[in-house]
Amino acid sequence: MTTPRKRPDRPAHLATVTATERTAPDMVRVHLDVPAVRDAATFPLDQTDHYVKLLFPPVGASWSWDDDDADADLPGRVRNTLPREEWPVMRTYTLRSWDRDEGSVIIDFVVHGDAGIAGPWAASVTPGSRIGFMGPGGAWHPEAGYDRVIFAGDEAAAPAIFAGIEALPYGTPATAYVEVADAGEPLPLPVRADDDGVDVVWVGRDGATHGTELVRAVTAAGIPAGRTQWFVHGVAEMIRDLRRFLFVEGGVPKEDVSISGYWRLGMVEDEWQASKRDFNREIEEAEAAAAGS
């Protein structure tokens, strides 16, 4: 009998918290020192939707990133020596910005009281604390040659939206629809948001289900004339509705659109990632049926 080969541990990086700040009632910005960022060969940063997978000790774990012997190899040691219930809990977050010369990154966290694991960590962490992560991933940036760029997303997608605005090709107009809990309490605007031709539209939920008001705003505005590049990310239920609007009703070429669910109502990340492929397949089958009817 052939013994299955053990899958190698994916490399992790180590980050140290340098500062935190409350940028909105339910948003905490964490500044991190990340020496690996200085190495362009091993830490590519050529997109605007870069994300990392933060590795948190589960509740009651016997290990911590602040232990004296904690280093980037800690996740591998934990998986090789401790039971599964002590393995790191993974949460995906988009980088809001980075500075390769300084070796630093900024991550914005949505905080809902004590709910979850990443939000409470961000709300309580202090400078000097450490966290491990894997990444970065990322595959999108605004491109030249489009008549307009449209961004749409909720708070989870706001960091990538704002990074995209700051990287717009010169002279390219853009509109960003950003859903927040209360339109009267918006997030900090990105650089260039006040340039001519760049508009940020705050879409307040005001108690509505996540994504519903964003769908309403985007569909009411319609599809602009000319060739438009789209970046649409956020809650999965919103993605389902806007895919139909773009691909079935609007006939927008799929190569002009980056669209994906970052999360889903009622699911933690592990549950969503396990079901995401089936969710996407069901959407694509429904779109194909609608297009053929």
C-alpha atoms as a PDB file:
ATOM      1  CA  MET A   1       0.000   0.000   0.000  1.00  0.00           C
ATOM      2  CA  THR A   2       1.278   3.438  -0.917  1.00  0.00           C
ATOM      3  CA  THR A   3       1.332   5.905   1.965  1.00  0.00           C
ATOM      4  CA  PRO A   4      -0.247   9.220   0.954  1.00  0.00           C
ATOM      5  CA  ARG A   5       2.223  12.045   0.888  1.00  0.00           C
ATOM      6  CA  LYS A   6       1.706  14.661   3.549  1.00  0.00           C
ATOM      7  CA  ARG A   7       0.714  17.983   2.058  1.00  0.00           C
ATOM      8  CA  PRO A   8       3.436  20.533   2.852  1.00  0.00           C
ATOM      9  CA  ASP A   9       2.569  23.366   5.176  1.00  0.00           C
ATOM     10  CA  ARG A  10       1.969  26.623   3.385  1.00  0.00           C
ATOM     11  CA  PRO A  11       4.411  29.315   4.505  1.00  0.00           C
ATOM     12  CA  ALA A  12       3.188  31.941   6.936  1.00  0.00           C
ATOM     13  CA  HIS A  13       4.389  35.450   7.670  1.00  0.00           C
ATOM     14  CA  LEU A  14       4.591  37.273  10.966  1.00  0.00           C
ATOM     15  CA  ALA A  15       3.168  40.747  11.615  1.00  0.00           C
ATOM     16  CA  THR A  16       3.449  43.047  14.623  1.00  0.00           C
ATOM     17  CA  VAL A  17       0.748  45.552  15.538  1.00  0.00           C
ATOM     18  CA  THR A  18       2.085  49.106  15.625  1.00  0.00           C
ATOM     19  CA  ALA A  19      -1.169  51.060  16.107  1.00  0.00           C
ATOM     20  CA  THR A  20      -4.955  50.851  15.948  1.00  0.00           C
ATOM     21  CA  GLU A  21      -7.611  53.484  15.308  1.00  0.00           C
ATOM     22  CA  ARG A  22     -11.397  53.605  15.170  1.00  0.00           C
ATOM     23  CA  THR A  23     -12.223  54.974  11.706  1.00  0.00           C
ATOM     24  CA  ALA A  24     -16.002  54.504  11.949  1.00  0.00           C
ATOM     25  CA  PRO A  25     -18.426  53.334  14.643  1.00  0.00           C
ATOM     26  CA  ASP A  26     -18.070  49.715  13.504  1.00  0.00           C
ATOM     27  CA  MET A  27     -14.643  49.827  11.824  1.00  0.00           C
ATOM     28  CA  VAL A  28     -11.187  49.436  13.384  1.00  0.00           C
ATOM     29  CA  ARG A  29      -8.002  50.051  11.403  1.00  0.00           C
ATOM     30  CA  VAL A  30      -4.968  48.008  12.414  1.00  0.00           C
ATOM     31  CA  HIS A  31      -1.469  49.066  11.380  1.00  0.00           C
ATOM     32  CA  LEU A  32       1.005  46.205  11.075  1.00  0.00           C
ATOM     33  CA  ASP A  33       4.754  45.943  10.683  1.00  0.00           C
ATOM     34  CA  VAL A  34       5.422  43.130   8.200  1.00  0.00           C
ATOM     35  CA  PRO A  35       9.107  42.659   7.298  1.00  0.00           C
ATOM     36  CA  ALA A  36       8.174  40.278   4.453  1.00  0.00           C
ATOM     37  CA  VAL A  37       6.513  43.157   2.562  1.00  0.00           C
ATOM     38  CA  ARG A  38       9.941  44.563   1.724  1.00  0.00           C
ATOM     39  CA  ASP A  39      10.716  41.538  -0.473  1.00  0.00           C
ATOM     40  CA  ALA A  40       8.909  41.973  -3.791  1.00  0.00           C
ATOM     41  CA  ALA A  41       9.965  38.511  -4.984  1.00  0.00           C
ATOM     42  CA  THR A  42       8.181  36.643  -2.203  1.00  0.00           C
ATOM     43  CA  PHE A  43       5.475  39.196  -1.407  1.00  0.00           C
ATOM     44  CA  PRO A  44       3.978  40.464  -4.704  1.00  0.00           C
ATOM     45  CA  LEU A  45       1.770  43.541  -4.420  1.00  0.00           C
ATOM     46  CA  ASP A  46       0.697  44.410  -7.963  1.00  0.00           C
ATOM     47  CA  GLN A  47      -3.097  44.256  -7.549  1.00  0.00           C
ATOM     48  CA  THR A  48      -5.648  46.367  -5.651  1.00  0.00           C
ATOM     49  CA  ASP A  49      -7.651  43.509  -4.114  1.00  0.00           C
ATOM     50  CA  HIS A  50      -4.815  41.864  -2.207  1.00  0.00           C
ATOM     51  CA  TYR A  51      -5.934  39.792   0.764  1.00  0.00           C
ATOM     52  CA  VAL A  52      -4.299  37.766   3.503  1.00  0.00           C
ATOM     53  CA  LYS A  53      -5.522  34.875   5.621  1.00  0.00           C
ATOM     54  CA  LEU A  54      -5.012  35.761   9.268  1.00  0.00           C
ATOM     55  CA  LEU A  55      -4.346  32.834  11.616  1.00  0.00           C
ATOM     56  CA  PHE A  56      -5.973  33.166  15.031  1.00  0.00           C
ATOM     57  CA  PRO A  57      -5.542  30.814  17.996  1.00  0.00           C
ATOM     58  CA  PRO A  58      -8.931  29.239  18.764  1.00  0.00           C
ATOM     59  CA  VAL A  59     -10.583  29.992  22.089  1.00  0.00           C
ATOM     60  CA  GLY A  60      -8.790  28.091  24.841  1.00  0.00           C
ATOM     61  CA  ALA A  61      -5.716  27.301  22.724  1.00  0.00           C
ATOM     62  CA  SER A  62      -2.505  26.430  24.537  1.00  0.00           C
ATOM     63  CA  TRP A  63      -0.475  28.587  22.164  1.00  0.00           C
ATOM     64  CA  SER A  64      -0.344  32.273  21.252  1.00  0.00           C
ATOM     65  CA  TRP A  65       1.386  34.456  18.701  1.00  0.00           C
ATOM     66  CA  ASP A  66       2.761  36.432  21.629  1.00  0.00           C
ATOM     67  CA  ASP A  67       4.608  33.409  23.061  1.00  0.00           C
ATOM     68  CA  ASP A  68       8.365  33.878  23.225  1.00  0.00           C
ATOM     69  CA  ASP A  69       9.000  31.112  20.681  1.00  0.00           C
ATOM     70  CA  ALA A  70       6.315  32.212  18.195  1.00  0.00           C
ATOM     71  CA  ASP A  71       7.594  32.700  14.655  1.00  0.00           C
ATOM     72  CA  ALA A  72       6.347  32.221  11.097  1.00  0.00           C
ATOM     73  CA  ASP A  73       6.730  28.437  11.465  1.00  0.00           C
ATOM     74  CA  LEU A  74       4.309  28.283  14.399  1.00  0.00           C
ATOM     75  CA  PRO A  75       1.225  27.159  12.360  1.00  0.00           C
ATOM     76  CA  GLY A  76       3.137  24.176  11.028  1.00  0.00           C
ATOM     77  CA  ARG A  77       4.303  23.166  14.502  1.00  0.00           C
ATOM     78  CA  VAL A  78       0.775  23.500  15.856  1.00  0.00           C
ATOM     79  CA  ARG A  79      -0.709  21.313  13.116  1.00  0.00           C
ATOM     80  CA  ASN A  80       2.006  18.688  13.541  1.00  0.00           C
ATOM     81  CA  THR A  81       1.910  18.451  17.335  1.00  0.00           C
ATOM     82  CA  LEU A  82      -1.510  19.534  18.611  1.00  0.00           C
ATOM     83  CA  PRO A  83      -5.050  18.183  18.077  1.00  0.00           C
ATOM     84  CA  ARG A  84      -7.218  19.702  15.354  1.00  0.00           C
ATOM     85  CA  GLU A  85      -9.259  21.755  17.830  1.00  0.00           C
ATOM     86  CA  GLU A  86      -6.092  23.759  18.561  1.00  0.00           C
ATOM     87  CA  TRP A  87      -5.252  24.482  14.914  1.00  0.00           C
ATOM     88  CA  PRO A  88      -5.321  28.123  13.776  1.00  0.00           C
ATOM     89  CA  VAL A  89      -8.666  29.623  12.803  1.00  0.00           C
ATOM     90  CA  MET A  90      -8.368  31.319   9.416  1.00  0.00           C
ATOM     91  CA  ARG A  91     -10.072  34.601   8.536  1.00  0.00           C
ATOM     92  CA  THR A  92      -9.588  36.418   5.222  1.00  0.00           C
ATOM     93  CA  TYR A  93      -9.076  40.178   5.114  1.00  0.00           C
ATOM     94  CA  THR A  94      -8.269  42.586   2.307  1.00  0.00           C
ATOM     95  CA  LEU A  95      -5.275  44.891   2.639  1.00  0.00           C
ATOM     96  CA  ARG A  96      -6.400  48.506   2.690  1.00  0.00           C
ATOM     97  CA  SER A  97      -2.917  49.752   1.822  1.00  0.00           C
ATOM     98  CA  TRP A  98       0.748  48.898   2.099  1.00  0.00           C
ATOM     99  CA  ASP A  99       4.164  50.543   2.083  1.00  0.00           C
ATOM    100  CA  ARG A 100       6.914  48.348   0.726  1.00  0.00           C
ATOM    101  CA  ASP A 101       9.709  50.686   1.813  1.00  0.00           C
ATOM    102  CA  GLU A 102       8.402  50.808   5.375  1.00  0.00           C
ATOM    103  CA  GLY A 103       7.454  47.124   5.434  1.00  0.00           C
ATOM    104  CA  SER A 104       3.957  47.859   6.667  1.00  0.00           C
ATOM    105  CA  VAL A 105       0.322  47.130   5.839  1.00  0.00           C
ATOM    106  CA  ILE A 106      -3.056  48.409   6.995  1.00  0.00           C
ATOM    107  CA  ILE A 107      -6.127  46.198   7.477  1.00  0.00           C
ATOM    108  CA  ASP A 108      -9.631  47.444   8.262  1.00  0.00           C
ATOM    109  CA  PHE A 109     -11.855  45.244  10.426  1.00  0.00           C
ATOM    110  CA  VAL A 110     -15.638  45.406  10.728  1.00  0.00           C
ATOM    111  CA  VAL A 111     -16.471  45.039  14.428  1.00  0.00           C
ATOM    112  CA  HIS A 112     -19.848  43.886  15.754  1.00  0.00           C
ATOM    113  CA  GLY A 113     -19.329  43.818  19.504  1.00  0.00           C
ATOM    114  CA  ASP A 114     -18.085  40.461  20.740  1.00  0.00           C
ATOM    115  CA  ALA A 115     -19.275  38.549  17.669  1.00  0.00           C
ATOM    116  CA  GLY A 116     -16.710  36.555  15.746  1.00  0.00           C
ATOM    117  CA  ILE A 117     -12.993  36.171  16.333  1.00  0.00           C
ATOM    118  CA  ALA A 118     -11.239  38.752  14.119  1.00  0.00           C
ATOM    119  CA  GLY A 119     -13.374  41.785  15.020  1.00  0.00           C
ATOM    120  CA  PRO A 120     -12.968  41.429  18.796  1.00  0.00           C
ATOM    121  CA  TRP A 121      -9.233  40.858  18.286  1.00  0.00           C
ATOM    122  CA  ALA A 122      -8.909  44.089  16.293  1.00  0.00           C
ATOM    123  CA  ALA A 123     -10.956  46.029  18.854  1.00  0.00           C
ATOM    124  CA  SER A 124      -8.786  44.951  21.775  1.00  0.00           C
ATOM    125  CA  VAL A 125      -5.319  44.330  20.361  1.00  0.00           C
ATOM    126  CA  THR A 126      -2.496  46.628  21.474  1.00  0.00           C
ATOM    127  CA  PRO A 127       0.795  47.700  19.869  1.00  0.00           C
ATOM    128  CA  GLY A 128       3.460  45.033  20.146  1.00  0.00           C
ATOM    129  CA  SER A 129       1.066  42.114  19.762  1.00  0.00           C
ATOM    130  CA  ARG A 130       1.739  39.723  16.908  1.00  0.00           C
ATOM    131  CA  ILE A 131      -0.374  37.793  14.409  1.00  0.00           C
ATOM    132  CA  GLY A 132       0.508  35.309  11.691  1.00  0.00           C
ATOM    133  CA  PHE A 133      -0.985  35.155   8.231  1.00  0.00           C
ATOM    134  CA  MET A 134      -0.690  33.529   4.821  1.00  0.00           C
ATOM    135  CA  GLY A 135      -0.706  35.360   1.513  1.00  0.00           C
ATOM    136  CA  PRO A 136      -1.038  37.681  -0.163  1.00  0.00           C
ATOM    137  CA  GLY A 137      -3.599  36.695  -2.779  1.00  0.00           C
ATOM    138  CA  GLY A 138      -5.261  39.014  -5.269  1.00  0.00           C
ATOM    139  CA  ALA A 139      -6.058  39.113  -8.959  1.00  0.00           C
ATOM    140  CA  TRP A 140      -7.637  42.451  -9.947  1.00  0.00           C
ATOM    141  CA  HIS A 141      -6.781  46.076 -10.593  1.00  0.00           C
ATOM    142  CA  PRO A 142      -8.391  48.851 -12.658  1.00  0.00           C
ATOM    143  CA  GLU A 143      -7.134  48.855 -16.223  1.00  0.00           C
ATOM    144  CA  ALA A 144      -6.690  51.512 -18.870  1.00  0.00           C
ATOM    145  CA  GLY A 145      -8.924  51.462 -21.930  1.00  0.00           C
ATOM    146  CA  TYR A 146     -12.296  51.507 -20.181  1.00  0.00           C
ATOM    147  CA  ASP A 147     -14.748  54.395 -20.412  1.00  0.00           C
ATOM    148  CA  ARG A 148     -15.703  54.010 -16.737  1.00  0.00           C
ATOM    149  CA  VAL A 149     -15.031  51.809 -13.714  1.00  0.00           C
ATOM    150  CA  ILE A 150     -17.894  50.817 -11.425  1.00  0.00           C
ATOM    151  CA  PHE A 151     -17.230  49.555  -7.908  1.00  0.00           C
ATOM    152  CA  ALA A 152     -19.916  48.042  -5.682  1.00  0.00           C
ATOM    153  CA  GLY A 153     -19.594  46.383  -2.296  1.00  0.00           C
ATOM    154  CA  ASP A 154     -20.223  46.485   1.424  1.00  0.00           C
ATOM    155  CA  GLU A 155     -17.825  47.200   4.283  1.00  0.00           C
ATOM    156  CA  ALA A 156     -15.942  43.949   3.667  1.00  0.00           C
ATOM    157  CA  ALA A 157     -15.152  45.064   0.115  1.00  0.00           C
ATOM    158  CA  ALA A 158     -14.498  48.724   0.943  1.00  0.00           C
ATOM    159  CA  PRO A 159     -10.698  48.321   1.382  1.00  0.00           C
ATOM    160  CA  ALA A 160     -10.326  46.830  -2.111  1.00  0.00           C
ATOM    161  CA  ILE A 161     -12.718  49.412  -3.574  1.00  0.00           C
ATOM    162  CA  PHE A 162     -10.784  52.297  -2.067  1.00  0.00           C
ATOM    163  CA  ALA A 163      -7.424  50.832  -3.123  1.00  0.00           C
ATOM    164  CA  GLY A 164      -8.873  50.497  -6.631  1.00  0.00           C
ATOM    165  CA  ILE A 165      -9.968  54.131  -6.663  1.00  0.00           C
ATOM    166  CA  GLU A 166      -6.487  55.230  -5.655  1.00  0.00           C
ATOM    167  CA  ALA A 167      -4.994  53.203  -8.523  1.00  0.00           C
ATOM    168  CA  LEU A 168      -7.351  54.362 -11.290  1.00  0.00           C
ATOM    169  CA  PRO A 169      -5.630  55.089 -14.595  1.00  0.00           C
ATOM    170  CA  TYR A 170      -5.316  58.809 -15.132  1.00  0.00           C
ATOM    171  CA  GLY A 171      -8.492  60.336 -16.532  1.00  0.00           C
ATOM    172  CA  THR A 172     -10.694  57.258 -16.049  1.00  0.00           C
ATOM    173  CA  PRO A 173     -14.036  58.199 -14.434  1.00  0.00           C
ATOM    174  CA  ALA A 174     -15.428  55.925 -11.749  1.00  0.00           C
ATOM    175  CA  THR A 175     -18.411  55.460  -9.480  1.00  0.00           C
ATOM    176  CA  ALA A 176     -18.259  53.489  -6.236  1.00  0.00           C
ATOM    177  CA  TYR A 177     -21.418  52.288  -4.486  1.00  0.00           C
ATOM    178  CA  VAL A 178     -20.447  51.431  -0.908  1.00  0.00           C
ATOM    179  CA  GLU A 179     -23.040  49.970   1.448  1.00  0.00           C
ATOM    180  CA  VAL A 180     -22.694  50.936   5.117  1.00  0.00           C
ATOM    181  CA  ALA A 181     -24.952  50.571   8.125  1.00  0.00           C
ATOM    182  CA  ASP A 182     -25.809  54.289   8.126  1.00  0.00           C
ATOM    183  CA  ALA A 183     -25.128  56.620   5.205  1.00  0.00           C
ATOM    184  CA  GLY A 184     -24.703  59.428   7.733  1.00  0.00           C
ATOM    185  CA  GLU A 185     -21.655  57.666   9.191  1.00  0.00           C
ATOM    186  CA  PRO A 186     -19.487  56.882   6.148  1.00  0.00           C
ATOM    187  CA  LEU A 187     -16.015  55.373   6.091  1.00  0.00           C
ATOM    188  CA  PRO A 188     -12.878  57.499   5.538  1.00  0.00           C
ATOM    189  CA  LEU A 189     -12.719  58.476   1.875  1.00  0.00           C
ATOM    190  CA  PRO A 190      -9.837  57.214  -0.228  1.00  0.00           C
ATOM    191  CA  VAL A 191      -7.329  59.539  -1.844  1.00  0.00           C
ATOM    192  CA  ARG A 192      -8.658  60.731  -5.244  1.00  0.00           C
ATOM    193  CA  ALA A 193     -12.274  60.287  -4.140  1.00  0.00           C
ATOM    194  CA  ASP A 194     -12.769  64.027  -4.580  1.00  0.00           C
ATOM    195  CA  ASP A 195     -11.181  64.155  -8.048  1.00  0.00           C
ATOM    196  CA  ASP A 196     -13.325  65.179 -10.994  1.00  0.00           C
ATOM    197  CA  GLY A 197     -14.998  62.118 -12.408  1.00  0.00           C
ATOM    198  CA  VAL A 198     -14.707  59.954  -9.280  1.00  0.00           C
ATOM    199  CA  ASP A 199     -17.877  59.629  -7.222  1.00  0.00           C
ATOM    200  CA  VAL A 200     -18.457  57.669  -4.005  1.00  0.00           C
ATOM    201  CA  VAL A 201     -22.116  56.913  -3.319  1.00  0.00           C
ATOM    202  CA  TRP A 202     -22.849  55.873   0.254  1.00  0.00           C
ATOM    203  CA  VAL A 203     -25.726  53.394   0.393  1.00  0.00           C
ATOM    204  CA  GLY A 204     -27.236  53.118   3.869  1.00  0.00           C
ATOM    205  CA  ARG A 205     -28.752  49.813   4.972  1.00  0.00           C
ATOM    206  CA  ASP A 206     -30.840  51.522   7.661  1.00  0.00           C
ATOM    207  CA  GLY A 207     -31.831  48.137   9.075  1.00  0.00           C
ATOM    208  CA  ALA A 208     -32.392  46.361   5.752  1.00  0.00           C
ATOM    209  CA  THR A 209     -30.825  42.984   4.990  1.00  0.00           C
ATOM    210  CA  HIS A 210     -27.217  43.245   3.856  1.00  0.00           C
ATOM    211  CA  GLY A 211     -26.954  43.782   0.125  1.00  0.00           C
ATOM    212  CA  THR A 212     -30.562  44.641  -0.686  1.00  0.00           C
ATOM    213  CA  GLU A 213     -30.101  48.414  -0.742  1.00  0.00           C
ATOM    214  CA  LEU A 214     -26.861  48.070  -2.673  1.00  0.00           C
ATOM    215  CA  VAL A 215     -28.608  46.002  -5.342  1.00  0.00           C
ATOM    216  CA  ARG A 216     -31.334  48.619  -5.507  1.00  0.00           C
ATOM    217  CA  ALA A 217     -28.835  51.467  -5.969  1.00  0.00           C
ATOM    218  CA  VAL A 218     -26.732  49.747  -8.631  1.00  0.00           C
ATOM    219  CA  THR A 219     -29.661  48.505 -10.702  1.00  0.00           C
ATOM    220  CA  ALA A 220     -31.449  51.860 -10.471  1.00  0.00           C
ATOM    221  CA  ALA A 221     -28.362  53.583 -11.898  1.00  0.00           C
ATOM    222  CA  GLY A 222     -28.260  51.160 -14.818  1.00  0.00           C
ATOM    223  CA  ILE A 223     -25.326  50.173 -16.989  1.00  0.00           C
ATOM    224  CA  PRO A 224     -23.322  53.138 -18.299  1.00  0.00           C
ATOM    225  CA  ALA A 225     -22.751  53.690 -21.988  1.00  0.00           C
ATOM    226  CA  GLY A 226     -19.405  52.597 -23.369  1.00  0.00           C
ATOM    227  CA  ARG A 227     -17.127  49.876 -22.104  1.00  0.00           C
ATOM    228  CA  THR A 228     -17.205  49.586 -18.325  1.00  0.00           C
ATOM    229  CA  GLN A 229     -14.990  47.637 -15.947  1.00  0.00           C
ATOM    230  CA  TRP A 230     -16.792  46.304 -12.871  1.00  0.00           C
ATOM    231  CA  PHE A 231     -15.576  45.314  -9.400  1.00  0.00           C
ATOM    232  CA  VAL A 232     -18.453  43.866  -7.359  1.00  0.00           C
ATOM    233  CA  HIS A 233     -17.782  42.067  -4.071  1.00  0.00           C
ATOM    234  CA  GLY A 234     -19.508  41.581  -0.737  1.00  0.00           C
ATOM    235  CA  VAL A 235     -22.313  39.481   0.690  1.00  0.00           C
ATOM    236  CA  ALA A 236     -23.142  36.455  -1.472  1.00  0.00           C
ATOM    237  CA  GLU A 237     -26.855  37.183  -1.780  1.00  0.00           C
ATOM    238  CA  MET A 238     -26.058  40.557  -3.335  1.00  0.00           C
ATOM    239  CA  ILE A 239     -23.627  38.902  -5.743  1.00  0.00           C
ATOM    240  CA  ARG A 240     -26.343  36.547  -6.982  1.00  0.00           C
ATOM    241  CA  ASP A 241     -28.682  39.435  -7.799  1.00  0.00           C
ATOM    242  CA  LEU A 242     -26.061  41.635  -9.449  1.00  0.00           C
ATOM    243  CA  ARG A 243     -24.689  38.785 -11.555  1.00  0.00           C
ATOM    244  CA  ARG A 244     -28.163  38.400 -13.044  1.00  0.00           C
ATOM    245  CA  PHE A 245     -28.383  42.167 -13.594  1.00  0.00           C
ATOM    246  CA  LEU A 246     -24.995  42.332 -15.309  1.00  0.00           C
ATOM    247  CA  PHE A 247     -24.779  39.103 -17.272  1.00  0.00           C
ATOM    248  CA  VAL A 248     -28.383  38.097 -17.996  1.00  0.00           C
ATOM    249  CA  GLU A 249     -30.231  41.408 -18.180  1.00  0.00           C
ATOM    250  CA  GLY A 250     -27.369  43.711 -19.124  1.00  0.00           C
ATOM    251  CA  GLY A 251     -25.244  41.530 -21.383  1.00  0.00           C
ATOM    252  CA  VAL A 252     -22.023  42.808 -19.838  1.00  0.00           C
ATOM    253  CA  PRO A 253     -19.035  40.680 -20.984  1.00  0.00           C
ATOM    254  CA  LYS A 254     -17.797  38.517 -18.125  1.00  0.00           C
ATOM    255  CA  GLU A 255     -14.204  39.432 -18.884  1.00  0.00           C
ATOM    256  CA  ASP A 256     -15.037  43.014 -17.867  1.00  0.00           C
ATOM    257  CA  VAL A 257     -16.306  41.988 -14.423  1.00  0.00           C
ATOM    258  CA  SER A 258     -14.703  40.856 -11.169  1.00  0.00           C
ATOM    259  CA  ILE A 259     -17.575  39.592  -9.001  1.00  0.00           C
ATOM    260  CA  SER A 260     -17.496  37.275  -6.006  1.00  0.00           C
ATOM    261  CA  GLY A 261     -19.010  36.753  -2.579  1.00  0.00           C
ATOM    262  CA  TYR A 262     -16.682  37.590   0.294  1.00  0.00           C
ATOM    263  CA  TRP A 263     -19.143  36.202   2.839  1.00  0.00           C
ATOM    264  CA  ARG A 264     -22.690  34.883   3.225  1.00  0.00           C
ATOM    265  CA  LEU A 265     -25.489  35.673   5.641  1.00  0.00           C
ATOM    266  CA  GLY A 266     -25.643  33.275   8.578  1.00  0.00           C
ATOM    267  CA  MET A 267     -22.298  31.592   7.859  1.00  0.00           C
ATOM    268  CA  VAL A 268     -18.821  31.876   9.328  1.00  0.00           C
ATOM    269  CA  GLU A 269     -15.968  31.844   6.832  1.00  0.00           C
ATOM    270  CA  ASP A 270     -15.291  28.106   7.067  1.00  0.00           C
ATOM    271  CA  GLU A 271     -18.922  27.290   6.251  1.00  0.00           C
ATOM    272  CA  TRP A 272     -19.040  29.770   3.374  1.00  0.00           C
ATOM    273  CA  GLN A 273     -15.809  28.542   1.803  1.00  0.00           C
ATOM    274  CA  ALA A 274     -17.023  24.937   2.010  1.00  0.00           C
ATOM    275  CA  SER A 275     -20.256  25.792   0.196  1.00  0.00           C
ATOM    276  CA  LYS A 276     -19.062  28.541  -2.152  1.00  0.00           C
ATOM    277  CA  ARG A 277     -18.355  26.296  -5.130  1.00  0.00           C
ATOM    278  CA  ASP A 278     -21.874  24.811  -5.029  1.00  0.00           C
ATOM    279  CA  PHE A 279     -23.380  28.286  -4.588  1.00  0.00           C
ATOM    280  CA  ASN A 280     -21.530  29.589  -7.634  1.00  0.00           C
ATOM    281  CA  ARG A 281     -22.446  26.563  -9.725  1.00  0.00           C
ATOM    282  CA  GLU A 282     -26.144  26.989  -8.919  1.00  0.00           C
ATOM    283  CA  ILE A 283     -25.945  30.663  -9.909  1.00  0.00           C
ATOM    284  CA  GLU A 284     -24.232  29.869 -13.207  1.00  0.00           C
ATOM    285  CA  GLU A 285     -26.778  27.170 -14.031  1.00  0.00           C
ATOM    286  CA  ALA A 286     -29.648  29.573 -13.314  1.00  0.00           C
ATOM    287  CA  GLU A 287     -28.032  32.239 -15.506  1.00  0.00           C
ATOM    288  CA  ALA A 288     -27.563  29.792 -18.360  1.00  0.00           C
ATOM    289  CA  ALA A 289     -31.191  28.710 -18.094  1.00  0.00           C
ATOM    290  CA  ALA A 290     -32.382  32.330 -18.066  1.00  0.00           C
ATOM    291  CA  ALA A 291     -30.225  33.222 -21.055  1.00  0.00           C
ATOM    292  CA  GLY A 292     -31.605  30.283 -23.016  1.00  0.00           C
ATOM    293  CA  SER A 293     -35.256  30.910 -22.229  1.00  0.00           C
END
